[in-house]
Protein backbone atom coordinates (compact mmCIF):
# COMPACT_ATOMS: atom_id res chain seq x y z
CA MET A 1 69.99 91.34 91.82
CA ALA A 2 73.79 90.05 90.61
CA PRO A 3 76.65 90.83 92.72
CA LYS A 4 78.48 92.85 90.04
CA LEU A 5 75.54 95.15 89.73
CA THR A 6 74.94 95.69 93.08
CA GLN A 7 78.91 96.40 93.39
CA THR A 8 78.29 98.81 90.71
CA ILE A 9 74.96 100.79 92.38
CA ARG A 10 77.06 100.67 95.66
CA ARG A 11 79.98 102.80 93.99
CA VAL A 12 78.12 105.31 92.16
CA ALA A 13 75.97 105.91 95.38
CA LEU A 14 78.88 106.47 97.52
CA SER A 15 81.19 108.21 94.75
CA PRO A 16 81.04 111.67 96.59
CA LEU A 17 82.47 110.19 100.13
CA THR A 18 84.77 107.97 98.09
CA ALA A 19 86.16 110.93 96.57
CA ILE A 20 86.63 112.45 100.25
CA TYR A 21 87.96 109.60 101.37
CA ALA A 22 90.85 109.60 98.12
CA ILE A 23 91.67 112.98 99.01
CA GLY A 24 92.76 112.38 102.86
CA VAL A 25 94.45 108.84 101.62
CA VAL A 26 96.62 110.71 99.12
CA SER A 27 97.09 113.79 100.92
CA ARG A 28 98.69 111.73 103.91
CA HIS A 29 100.91 110.19 101.54
CA PHE A 30 101.76 112.62 100.12
CA LEU A 31 103.20 114.37 103.12
CA TYR A 32 105.09 111.53 104.20
CA ASP A 33 106.67 110.98 100.62
CA LEU A 34 107.86 114.85 101.28
CA GLY A 35 109.39 114.52 104.24
CA LEU A 36 106.87 116.66 106.12
CA ILE A 37 105.80 114.06 108.25
CA LYS A 38 108.88 111.99 109.43
CA SER A 39 109.20 108.16 109.07
CA GLN A 40 111.99 106.03 110.18
CA LYS A 41 113.13 102.54 110.20
CA ALA A 42 112.74 100.27 113.68
CA SER A 43 115.76 99.86 115.78
CA LEU A 44 115.21 95.81 114.63
CA PRO A 45 114.68 94.57 111.44
CA THR A 46 111.57 94.37 110.35
CA PHE A 47 109.50 92.38 108.41
CA VAL A 48 106.07 93.78 107.67
CA ILE A 49 102.98 91.84 106.44
CA GLY A 50 99.54 93.80 105.19
CA ASN A 51 97.29 94.32 102.56
CA ILE A 52 95.30 97.14 100.68
CA HIS A 53 91.58 95.73 101.01
CA VAL A 54 89.21 95.68 104.08
CA GLY A 55 90.35 92.12 105.21
CA GLY A 56 89.42 88.65 104.06
CA THR A 57 92.98 88.47 102.31
CA GLY A 58 94.43 85.66 104.80
CA LYS A 59 96.81 87.82 106.25
CA THR A 60 96.52 86.08 110.19
CA PRO A 61 97.89 82.80 108.37
CA HIS A 62 100.20 84.10 106.49
CA ALA A 63 102.08 85.84 109.49
CA SER A 64 101.65 82.38 111.23
CA TYR A 65 103.50 80.88 108.54
CA PHE A 66 106.11 83.45 108.73
CA LEU A 67 106.83 83.39 112.15
CA GLY A 68 106.88 79.62 112.04
CA LEU A 69 109.61 79.90 109.18
CA PHE A 70 111.80 82.90 110.60
CA SER A 71 111.81 80.78 113.78
CA LYS A 72 113.46 78.13 112.11
CA MET A 73 115.89 79.59 110.01
CA LEU A 74 117.15 81.68 113.01
CA GLY A 75 117.22 78.45 115.16
CA GLY A 76 114.77 79.79 117.99
CA THR A 77 111.74 80.92 118.80
CA GLU A 78 112.68 83.73 121.17
CA LYS A 79 114.67 85.27 118.00
CA VAL A 80 111.46 86.15 116.55
CA ALA A 81 108.47 88.37 117.44
CA LEU A 82 105.66 89.57 116.40
CA LEU A 83 103.90 92.85 116.88
CA SER A 84 100.29 94.00 115.75
CA ARG A 85 98.00 97.16 116.53
CA GLY A 86 96.01 95.15 117.98
CA TYR A 87 92.30 95.79 116.17
CA LYS A 88 89.50 96.41 118.56
CA ARG A 89 91.30 95.51 121.81
CA LYS A 90 89.77 97.24 125.12
CA SER A 91 93.46 98.66 125.85
CA SER A 92 96.01 100.76 124.50
CA GLY A 93 99.64 101.49 124.91
CA PHE A 94 102.47 98.66 124.83
CA ILE A 95 100.87 94.86 125.95
CA TRP A 96 102.59 91.33 126.07
CA VAL A 97 100.27 88.80 125.20
CA GLU A 98 99.70 86.32 127.23
CA SER A 99 98.44 82.46 126.33
CA ASP A 100 96.43 82.45 129.07
CA GLY A 101 95.52 86.18 129.18
CA ASN A 102 92.09 87.76 128.26
CA TRP A 103 91.95 88.15 123.95
CA GLU A 104 90.03 91.45 124.76
CA ASN A 105 93.11 93.05 126.20
CA TYR A 106 95.00 92.20 122.69
CA GLY A 107 92.47 91.80 120.01
CA ASP A 108 91.42 88.42 118.75
CA GLU A 109 93.90 88.09 115.67
CA PRO A 110 97.14 88.57 118.34
CA ALA A 111 95.30 85.91 120.76
CA LEU A 112 95.29 83.40 117.88
CA LEU A 113 98.70 83.69 116.98
CA LYS A 114 99.95 83.34 120.42
CA SER A 115 97.69 80.32 120.72
CA ILE A 116 99.47 79.12 117.79
CA HIS A 117 102.88 80.21 118.70
CA THR A 118 103.18 79.90 122.42
CA LEU A 119 106.83 80.32 122.84
CA ASN A 120 107.28 83.20 120.17
CA PRO A 121 106.89 86.70 121.53
CA VAL A 122 103.99 88.12 120.63
CA ALA A 123 102.99 91.97 121.61
CA VAL A 124 100.53 94.77 120.78
CA CYS A 125 100.88 98.76 120.76
CA GLU A 126 99.45 101.52 118.72
CA ASN A 127 103.00 103.35 117.96
CA ARG A 128 104.82 100.61 115.81
CA LEU A 129 108.30 102.36 116.49
CA LYS A 130 107.78 102.36 120.00
CA GLY A 131 106.55 98.66 120.26
CA VAL A 132 109.68 97.16 118.28
CA GLU A 133 112.08 99.54 120.70
CA MET A 134 110.17 98.15 124.03
CA ILE A 135 110.63 94.42 122.29
CA LYS A 136 114.43 94.98 122.01
CA GLU A 137 114.89 96.30 125.30
CA ALA A 138 112.92 93.80 127.00
CA LEU A 139 114.20 90.61 125.06
CA PRO A 140 117.86 90.97 123.61
CA ASP A 141 117.71 87.50 121.72
CA VAL A 142 114.88 89.01 118.86
CA GLN A 143 116.70 89.54 116.02
CA VAL A 144 113.52 89.74 113.71
CA VAL A 145 110.06 91.35 114.46
CA ILE A 146 107.06 90.87 112.26
CA LEU A 147 104.56 93.44 112.07
CA ASP A 148 101.21 92.00 111.32
CA ASP A 149 99.07 94.81 109.26
CA GLY A 150 101.55 97.46 109.39
CA LEU A 151 101.72 98.62 105.86
CA GLN A 152 99.83 101.58 106.58
CA HIS A 153 101.49 102.54 109.38
CA ARG A 154 103.87 105.61 107.48
CA ALA A 155 105.64 106.51 110.47
CA LEU A 156 107.91 103.20 110.29
CA ILE A 157 109.97 102.41 107.42
CA PRO A 158 109.84 98.58 106.97
CA HIS A 159 112.92 96.55 106.24
CA PHE A 160 110.98 94.34 104.57
CA SER A 161 107.59 95.03 103.43
CA MET A 162 104.86 92.23 101.77
CA ALA A 163 101.61 92.93 100.59
CA ILE A 164 98.86 90.25 100.31
CA ILE A 165 95.75 90.52 98.02
CA ASP A 166 92.92 88.44 97.15
CA SER A 167 92.66 86.33 94.06
CA HIS A 168 88.77 86.71 94.15
CA ARG A 169 89.03 90.08 94.51
CA PRO A 170 90.94 91.48 91.35
CA ILE A 171 93.04 95.07 92.11
CA ASN A 172 91.77 96.59 88.64
CA GLU A 173 88.21 95.85 89.73
CA GLU A 174 88.54 97.36 93.05
CA SER A 175 87.80 101.00 94.34
CA LEU A 176 88.95 102.77 97.53
CA LEU A 177 86.55 102.76 100.76
CA PRO A 178 83.46 102.95 101.35
CA GLY A 179 82.34 102.50 97.48
CA GLY A 180 85.03 99.52 97.54
CA GLU A 181 86.73 97.62 99.53
CA LEU A 182 90.12 99.35 99.19
CA ARG A 183 91.63 101.13 102.41
CA ASP A 184 94.63 102.27 100.41
CA LEU A 185 95.63 103.42 96.73
CA LYS A 186 96.46 100.51 94.26
CA SER A 187 99.50 102.50 93.54
CA ARG A 188 101.25 101.64 96.89
CA LEU A 189 101.04 97.68 95.94
CA SER A 190 104.25 99.45 93.60
CA THR A 191 106.31 100.11 96.41
CA TYR A 192 106.39 96.99 98.23
CA ASP A 193 109.31 94.45 98.49
CA SER A 194 107.06 91.51 97.38
CA ILE A 195 103.62 90.56 96.73
CA VAL A 196 101.57 87.53 97.80
CA ILE A 197 98.45 86.72 95.86
CA SER A 198 96.52 84.48 98.22
CA ARG A 199 93.23 81.95 97.47
CA THR A 200 94.67 81.41 94.15
CA SER A 201 93.32 78.82 91.45
CA LYS A 202 95.50 79.73 88.88
CA SER A 203 99.21 79.81 87.81
CA ARG A 204 101.30 82.75 88.93
CA ASN A 205 101.37 84.54 85.37
CA GLU A 206 97.56 84.22 85.14
CA GLU A 207 97.25 85.94 88.60
CA ILE A 208 99.33 88.68 87.93
CA GLU A 209 97.38 89.25 84.54
CA ALA A 210 94.12 88.92 86.26
CA GLN A 211 94.74 91.53 88.97
CA GLY A 212 96.46 94.13 86.03
CA LEU A 213 99.35 94.49 88.52
CA LYS A 214 102.29 96.54 86.94
CA LEU A 215 105.55 95.15 89.02
CA ASP A 216 108.75 97.20 89.37
CA GLU A 217 111.77 95.83 88.76
CA GLY A 218 113.27 93.36 91.53
CA GLN A 219 109.69 92.89 93.03
CA SER A 220 108.66 89.02 93.57
CA VAL A 221 105.42 87.92 93.42
CA PHE A 222 104.19 84.78 95.30
CA THR A 223 101.05 82.79 95.39
CA SER A 224 99.36 80.85 97.82
CA LYS A 225 95.92 78.99 98.81
CA MET A 226 94.01 79.06 101.91
CA GLN A 227 93.55 75.16 103.42
CA ASN A 228 91.22 74.42 106.32
CA GLU A 229 92.91 71.97 108.92
CA SER A 230 91.02 70.22 111.24
CA VAL A 231 90.51 66.74 112.24
CA ASN A 232 88.20 64.54 110.20
CA PRO A 233 85.23 63.72 112.06
CA GLU A 234 83.57 60.30 112.45
CA GLY A 235 80.62 60.35 109.69
CA LYS A 236 79.14 64.34 109.24
CA PRO A 237 78.41 65.54 112.38
CA ARG A 238 75.11 67.83 112.18
CA VAL A 239 76.37 71.26 113.63
CA LEU A 240 75.70 74.77 113.93
CA ALA A 241 78.10 76.56 112.05
CA VAL A 242 79.34 80.31 113.08
CA CYS A 243 82.25 82.49 112.28
CA GLY A 244 82.53 86.45 112.43
CA ILE A 245 85.29 86.86 109.66
CA ALA A 246 85.47 89.28 106.24
CA HIS A 247 83.40 87.10 102.97
CA PRO A 248 82.35 84.31 105.63
CA GLU A 249 81.02 82.08 102.79
CA ARG A 250 84.20 80.92 101.99
CA PHE A 251 84.69 79.14 105.19
CA MET A 252 81.01 78.18 105.25
CA ASP A 253 81.07 76.44 101.90
CA GLY A 254 84.56 74.64 102.87
CA LEU A 255 82.43 72.58 105.77
CA VAL A 256 80.14 70.64 103.81
CA TYR A 257 82.63 67.71 102.74
CA ASN A 258 83.12 66.96 106.28
CA TRP A 259 80.46 68.58 108.47
CA SER A 260 76.59 68.20 108.00
CA ILE A 261 75.70 72.01 108.19
CA VAL A 262 72.08 72.06 109.90
CA ARG A 263 72.26 76.02 110.52
CA ARG A 264 74.62 78.88 109.70
CA GLU A 265 75.19 81.87 111.65
CA THR A 266 77.21 84.78 110.39
CA TYR A 267 78.53 87.98 111.98
CA PRO A 268 80.85 91.24 111.24
CA ASP A 269 84.58 90.69 110.98
CA HIS A 270 85.78 90.58 114.46
CA PHE A 271 82.63 90.49 116.26
CA GLU A 272 82.48 90.33 119.79
CA TYR A 273 80.22 87.42 121.15
CA SER A 274 77.73 87.74 124.44
CA GLU A 275 75.88 85.54 126.29
CA LYS A 276 73.27 86.54 123.98
CA GLU A 277 74.60 84.63 121.27
CA ILE A 278 75.46 81.86 123.42
CA LYS A 279 71.97 80.74 124.52
CA GLY A 280 70.71 81.08 121.10
CA TRP A 281 73.39 78.92 120.06
CA LEU A 282 72.23 76.26 123.11
CA ALA A 283 68.72 76.81 122.08
CA SER A 284 69.43 75.48 118.13
CA ILE A 285 71.65 72.57 120.28
CA ARG A 286 68.68 71.29 121.96
CA ASN A 287 66.15 71.86 119.56
CA GLU A 288 67.35 70.14 116.82
CA LYS A 289 69.76 67.83 118.72
CA LEU A 290 72.98 68.74 117.18
CA ASP A 291 76.56 67.52 117.90
CA GLY A 292 78.26 70.84 118.55
CA ILE A 293 79.31 74.60 116.84
CA VAL A 294 81.64 74.57 113.92
CA THR A 295 84.02 77.92 114.12
CA THR A 296 86.93 79.18 112.87
CA ALA A 297 90.21 79.49 115.13
CA LYS A 298 89.67 83.05 115.08
CA ASP A 299 86.16 83.12 116.29
CA ALA A 300 86.78 79.99 119.04
CA VAL A 301 89.55 82.37 120.91
CA LYS A 302 86.33 84.71 122.01
CA ILE A 303 83.81 82.20 122.11
CA ARG A 304 85.50 79.44 123.97
CA PRO A 305 85.79 81.31 127.36
CA LEU A 306 81.76 82.11 127.21
CA ILE A 307 80.86 78.62 127.07
CA ALA A 308 82.85 77.10 129.79
CA ASP A 309 79.86 76.74 131.85
CA TYR A 310 77.75 74.98 128.80
CA PRO A 311 79.28 71.55 128.69
CA GLU A 312 76.44 71.14 126.18
CA ILE A 313 78.19 73.22 123.55
CA LYS A 314 81.11 70.88 121.97
CA LEU A 315 83.14 73.57 119.94
CA HIS A 316 84.84 72.18 116.81
CA THR A 317 87.74 74.44 115.82
CA ILE A 318 88.80 74.63 111.87
CA SER A 319 92.60 76.40 111.46
CA ILE A 320 93.35 77.69 108.44
CA GLU A 321 96.69 77.14 107.07
CA VAL A 322 98.89 78.50 104.03
CA LYS A 323 99.67 76.23 101.25
CA TRP A 324 102.18 78.10 99.03
CA GLN A 325 102.80 76.97 95.14
CA ASN A 326 106.29 78.04 95.23
CA GLU A 327 107.23 77.64 98.75
CA GLU A 328 111.14 76.83 97.81
CA GLU A 329 111.28 80.26 95.69
CA LEU A 330 109.86 82.14 98.90
CA LYS A 331 111.88 80.42 101.27
CA GLU A 332 115.07 81.33 99.09
CA LEU A 333 114.14 84.79 99.20
CA VAL A 334 113.59 85.20 103.04
CA LEU A 335 117.10 83.50 103.10
CA GLY A 336 118.59 85.87 101.14
CA TRP A 337 116.84 88.66 103.03
CA LEU A 338 117.99 87.15 106.42
CA GLN A 339 121.54 87.01 105.09
CA PHE A 340 121.92 90.52 103.81
CA THR A 341 119.97 91.88 106.86
CA ILE A 342 120.99 89.80 110.23
CA PHE A 343 123.86 87.27 109.48
CA GLU A 344 126.09 89.51 107.53
CA PRO A 345 124.49 93.41 107.61
CA PRO A 346 125.57 96.02 105.48
CA LYS A 347 128.56 97.93 107.13
CA THR A 348 128.56 101.43 107.73
CA ASN A 349 131.51 104.22 107.40
CA LYS A 350 132.10 105.55 111.18
């Protein structure tokens, strides 16, 4: 069955549930917009990154990019922290993410970001306002907090907000959950300071038109691509490809240039691997004489501890990095925001 036909059938079948979900989302925003539910800015400047899709836009690689960019512009990793909810973590409250800690306490994405940016403070907390306040109290050198996946946390008013949308999933063709893949209203895009169209293949103007975006005055739009980064192996090793991410076909299809994919194993996004999966992979490696497993950096965070006692399993990790089509323009925007917010903050009347 054609993908678009399948999508249409799904939307029609789930339309009653979608309507209920829409009422809940609209009501929540209405209460915040009227001020009946309070919201406020955090005690430190916040740069909030998020999306209105249910994953698969490349949010984590973008967060990683901005951690590096802000650290460079502010002159030190100690000046830039990252705060995340810690999706699917087996803990609660405020926790610092440690490089050698158990990823289950933080969630796979915060653990991955800490493994890349070992010197930046990284923390998880459901309550973003409380999380920022605790970062400020513990680390007075921090000047900016990047919030990963914080656009739906309406209790916090961002100092700067950036939504990431997917070039391959035009907003004007999407609908709310569960019939579609949007977890928030399309109209919310007009409230954000900046929009990034990721996984792009066209010019910026073409992407804006394809998305059907109606921009407010002063809103900036940037386009980016996702690029696999790994050491090119000798020859084309015969491997088992494994991933538990949204839209895994993109990752899998990108492997064929450097790897001979004998078998593919895909799992739901944020999947928690166990000994059951490890033993199945080990059997495939032995039976088909494979050279190992190739997986994403996010999946590797969860897989690596499980294979510590299995030297036969060689794990090859693919990192995904952001490449911008208009990077200098983006840097100018960020530097201008820092200049206004941190270097020369607006004076207030006492």
